[in-house]
Amino acid sequence: MLADNQGFYLASHGFPHEVAEELSALSAEIATVHERRSGLLLNNMGLGSHAWAVVDSFGNSQVGFWPLFIGNNRFVVAMSGTPHFNQPELVSLVWALTIRYAGDNL
């Protein structure tokens, strides 16, 4: 699922419509919490990641929220299960978003 920074989902595959809407809203709320607590995470704990996940008792991702910063825009890709970022589809998505939103910032 792809969401914008306001919590609206732009595209979804594999999630029912209602779930995609809720996950996109959750991604915006997670971003707000992250911004409020980034001092603790980065300065005190040395954690520079912007990604968040819901994990099972073994630490395996059940659903993860992965930000994409393109130009002045922030998007979130939400994936269920273990993410596999080395797929051509993700490269195509990032490329399309970059062409559309990075503009003259390239």
C-alpha atoms as a PDB file:
ATOM      1  CA  MET A   1       0.000   0.000   0.000  1.00  0.00           C
ATOM      2  CA  LEU A   2       1.287   3.458  -0.883  1.00  0.00           C
ATOM      3  CA  ALA A   3       0.167   6.427   1.209  1.00  0.00           C
ATOM      4  CA  ASP A   4       0.954  10.125   1.194  1.00  0.00           C
ATOM      5  CA  ASN A   5       2.051  12.144   4.208  1.00  0.00           C
ATOM      6  CA  GLN A   6      -1.531  13.075   5.099  1.00  0.00           C
ATOM      7  CA  GLY A   7      -2.618   9.466   5.450  1.00  0.00           C
ATOM      8  CA  PHE A   8      -4.454   9.006   2.146  1.00  0.00           C
ATOM      9  CA  TYR A   9      -3.692   5.830   0.297  1.00  0.00           C
ATOM     10  CA  LEU A  10      -2.719   6.262  -3.324  1.00  0.00           C
ATOM     11  CA  ALA A  11      -2.444   2.629  -4.366  1.00  0.00           C
ATOM     12  CA  SER A  12      -2.943  -0.748  -2.792  1.00  0.00           C
ATOM     13  CA  HIS A  13      -2.387  -4.363  -3.697  1.00  0.00           C
ATOM     14  CA  GLY A  14      -3.215  -7.270  -1.446  1.00  0.00           C
ATOM     15  CA  PHE A  15      -5.103  -5.258   1.173  1.00  0.00           C
ATOM     16  CA  PRO A  16      -8.885  -4.839   1.137  1.00  0.00           C
ATOM     17  CA  HIS A  17     -10.020  -1.225   0.610  1.00  0.00           C
ATOM     18  CA  GLU A  18     -10.982  -0.693   4.268  1.00  0.00           C
ATOM     19  CA  VAL A  19      -7.680  -2.102   5.512  1.00  0.00           C
ATOM     20  CA  ALA A  20      -5.714   0.098   3.099  1.00  0.00           C
ATOM     21  CA  GLU A  21      -7.562   3.169   4.377  1.00  0.00           C
ATOM     22  CA  GLU A  22      -6.837   2.283   7.998  1.00  0.00           C
ATOM     23  CA  LEU A  23      -3.179   1.459   7.319  1.00  0.00           C
ATOM     24  CA  SER A  24      -2.682   4.741   5.483  1.00  0.00           C
ATOM     25  CA  ALA A  25      -4.208   6.686   8.391  1.00  0.00           C
ATOM     26  CA  LEU A  26      -2.022   4.706  10.797  1.00  0.00           C
ATOM     27  CA  SER A  27       1.060   5.564   8.731  1.00  0.00           C
ATOM     28  CA  ALA A  28       0.362   9.294   9.183  1.00  0.00           C
ATOM     29  CA  GLU A  29      -0.097   8.822  12.935  1.00  0.00           C
ATOM     30  CA  ILE A  30       3.147   6.843  13.159  1.00  0.00           C
ATOM     31  CA  ALA A  31       4.950   9.668  11.333  1.00  0.00           C
ATOM     32  CA  THR A  32       3.623  12.162  13.877  1.00  0.00           C
ATOM     33  CA  VAL A  33       4.806  10.032  16.800  1.00  0.00           C
ATOM     34  CA  HIS A  34       8.164   9.548  15.107  1.00  0.00           C
ATOM     35  CA  GLU A  35       8.619  13.303  14.657  1.00  0.00           C
ATOM     36  CA  ARG A  36       7.783  13.920  18.324  1.00  0.00           C
ATOM     37  CA  ARG A  37      10.150  11.218  19.580  1.00  0.00           C
ATOM     38  CA  SER A  38      12.945  11.426  17.009  1.00  0.00           C
ATOM     39  CA  GLY A  39      15.210  13.144  19.560  1.00  0.00           C
ATOM     40  CA  LEU A  40      15.008  10.123  21.832  1.00  0.00           C
ATOM     41  CA  LEU A  41      15.386   7.636  19.006  1.00  0.00           C
ATOM     42  CA  LEU A  42      18.292   9.324  17.243  1.00  0.00           C
ATOM     43  CA  ASN A  43      20.130  11.274  19.926  1.00  0.00           C
ATOM     44  CA  ASN A  44      19.698   8.994  22.928  1.00  0.00           C
ATOM     45  CA  MET A  45      19.486   5.589  21.278  1.00  0.00           C
ATOM     46  CA  GLY A  46      21.317   6.133  17.974  1.00  0.00           C
ATOM     47  CA  LEU A  47      18.374   4.835  15.905  1.00  0.00           C
ATOM     48  CA  GLY A  48      18.251   6.811  12.658  1.00  0.00           C
ATOM     49  CA  SER A  49      15.578   4.773  10.940  1.00  0.00           C
ATOM     50  CA  HIS A  50      12.171   6.215  10.063  1.00  0.00           C
ATOM     51  CA  ALA A  51      10.618   2.778   9.470  1.00  0.00           C
ATOM     52  CA  TRP A  52       8.236   1.163  11.941  1.00  0.00           C
ATOM     53  CA  ALA A  53       6.807  -2.348  12.102  1.00  0.00           C
ATOM     54  CA  VAL A  54       4.374  -4.510  13.994  1.00  0.00           C
ATOM     55  CA  VAL A  55       6.301  -7.667  14.838  1.00  0.00           C
ATOM     56  CA  ASP A  56       5.380 -11.062  16.225  1.00  0.00           C
ATOM     57  CA  SER A  57       6.917 -12.613  19.337  1.00  0.00           C
ATOM     58  CA  PHE A  58       9.918 -13.779  17.280  1.00  0.00           C
ATOM     59  CA  GLY A  59      10.612 -10.303  15.869  1.00  0.00           C
ATOM     60  CA  ASN A  60       9.302 -11.080  12.390  1.00  0.00           C
ATOM     61  CA  SER A  61       7.472  -8.240  10.680  1.00  0.00           C
ATOM     62  CA  GLN A  62       3.727  -8.682  10.391  1.00  0.00           C
ATOM     63  CA  VAL A  63       3.234  -5.281   8.779  1.00  0.00           C
ATOM     64  CA  GLY A  64       5.884  -2.633   8.209  1.00  0.00           C
ATOM     65  CA  PHE A  65       5.736   1.060   7.361  1.00  0.00           C
ATOM     66  CA  TRP A  66       8.624   2.231   5.203  1.00  0.00           C
ATOM     67  CA  PRO A  67       8.957   5.929   4.327  1.00  0.00           C
ATOM     68  CA  LEU A  68      10.036   7.172   0.919  1.00  0.00           C
ATOM     69  CA  PHE A  69      11.360  10.730   0.867  1.00  0.00           C
ATOM     70  CA  ILE A  70      11.145  12.124  -2.657  1.00  0.00           C
ATOM     71  CA  GLY A  71      11.808  15.810  -3.156  1.00  0.00           C
ATOM     72  CA  ASN A  72       9.854  17.592  -0.438  1.00  0.00           C
ATOM     73  CA  ASN A  73       7.332  14.761  -0.241  1.00  0.00           C
ATOM     74  CA  ARG A  74       7.037  11.882   2.183  1.00  0.00           C
ATOM     75  CA  PHE A  75       5.297   8.691   1.148  1.00  0.00           C
ATOM     76  CA  VAL A  76       4.889   5.452   3.042  1.00  0.00           C
ATOM     77  CA  VAL A  77       4.940   1.948   1.669  1.00  0.00           C
ATOM     78  CA  ALA A  78       3.149  -0.475   3.989  1.00  0.00           C
ATOM     79  CA  MET A  79       3.892  -4.157   3.458  1.00  0.00           C
ATOM     80  CA  SER A  80       2.681  -7.255   5.204  1.00  0.00           C
ATOM     81  CA  GLY A  81       5.236  -9.863   6.137  1.00  0.00           C
ATOM     82  CA  THR A  82       8.954  -9.655   5.537  1.00  0.00           C
ATOM     83  CA  PRO A  83       9.785  -6.890   3.042  1.00  0.00           C
ATOM     84  CA  HIS A  84      11.690  -7.753  -0.097  1.00  0.00           C
ATOM     85  CA  PHE A  85      12.919  -4.437  -1.433  1.00  0.00           C
ATOM     86  CA  ASN A  86      15.089  -5.886  -4.181  1.00  0.00           C
ATOM     87  CA  GLN A  87      12.146  -6.293  -6.554  1.00  0.00           C
ATOM     88  CA  PRO A  88      11.763  -4.541  -9.929  1.00  0.00           C
ATOM     89  CA  GLU A  89       8.273  -3.364  -8.940  1.00  0.00           C
ATOM     90  CA  LEU A  90       9.635  -1.275  -6.072  1.00  0.00           C
ATOM     91  CA  VAL A  91      12.290   0.238  -8.318  1.00  0.00           C
ATOM     92  CA  SER A  92       9.586   1.148 -10.849  1.00  0.00           C
ATOM     93  CA  LEU A  93       7.438   2.697  -8.124  1.00  0.00           C
ATOM     94  CA  VAL A  94      10.293   4.811  -6.775  1.00  0.00           C
ATOM     95  CA  TRP A  95      11.277   5.846 -10.296  1.00  0.00           C
ATOM     96  CA  ALA A  96       7.706   6.915 -11.165  1.00  0.00           C
ATOM     97  CA  LEU A  97       7.348   8.871  -7.924  1.00  0.00           C
ATOM     98  CA  THR A  98      10.723  10.526  -8.493  1.00  0.00           C
ATOM     99  CA  ILE A  99       9.795  11.617 -12.005  1.00  0.00           C
ATOM    100  CA  ARG A 100       6.467  13.000 -10.772  1.00  0.00           C
ATOM    101  CA  TYR A 101       7.460  14.605  -7.473  1.00  0.00           C
ATOM    102  CA  ALA A 102      11.183  15.355  -7.469  1.00  0.00           C
ATOM    103  CA  GLY A 103      10.879  17.692 -10.457  1.00  0.00           C
ATOM    104  CA  ASP A 104      13.788  20.097 -10.676  1.00  0.00           C
ATOM    105  CA  ASN A 105      15.352  18.755  -7.486  1.00  0.00           C
ATOM    106  CA  LEU A 106      17.175  15.992  -9.397  1.00  0.00           C
END
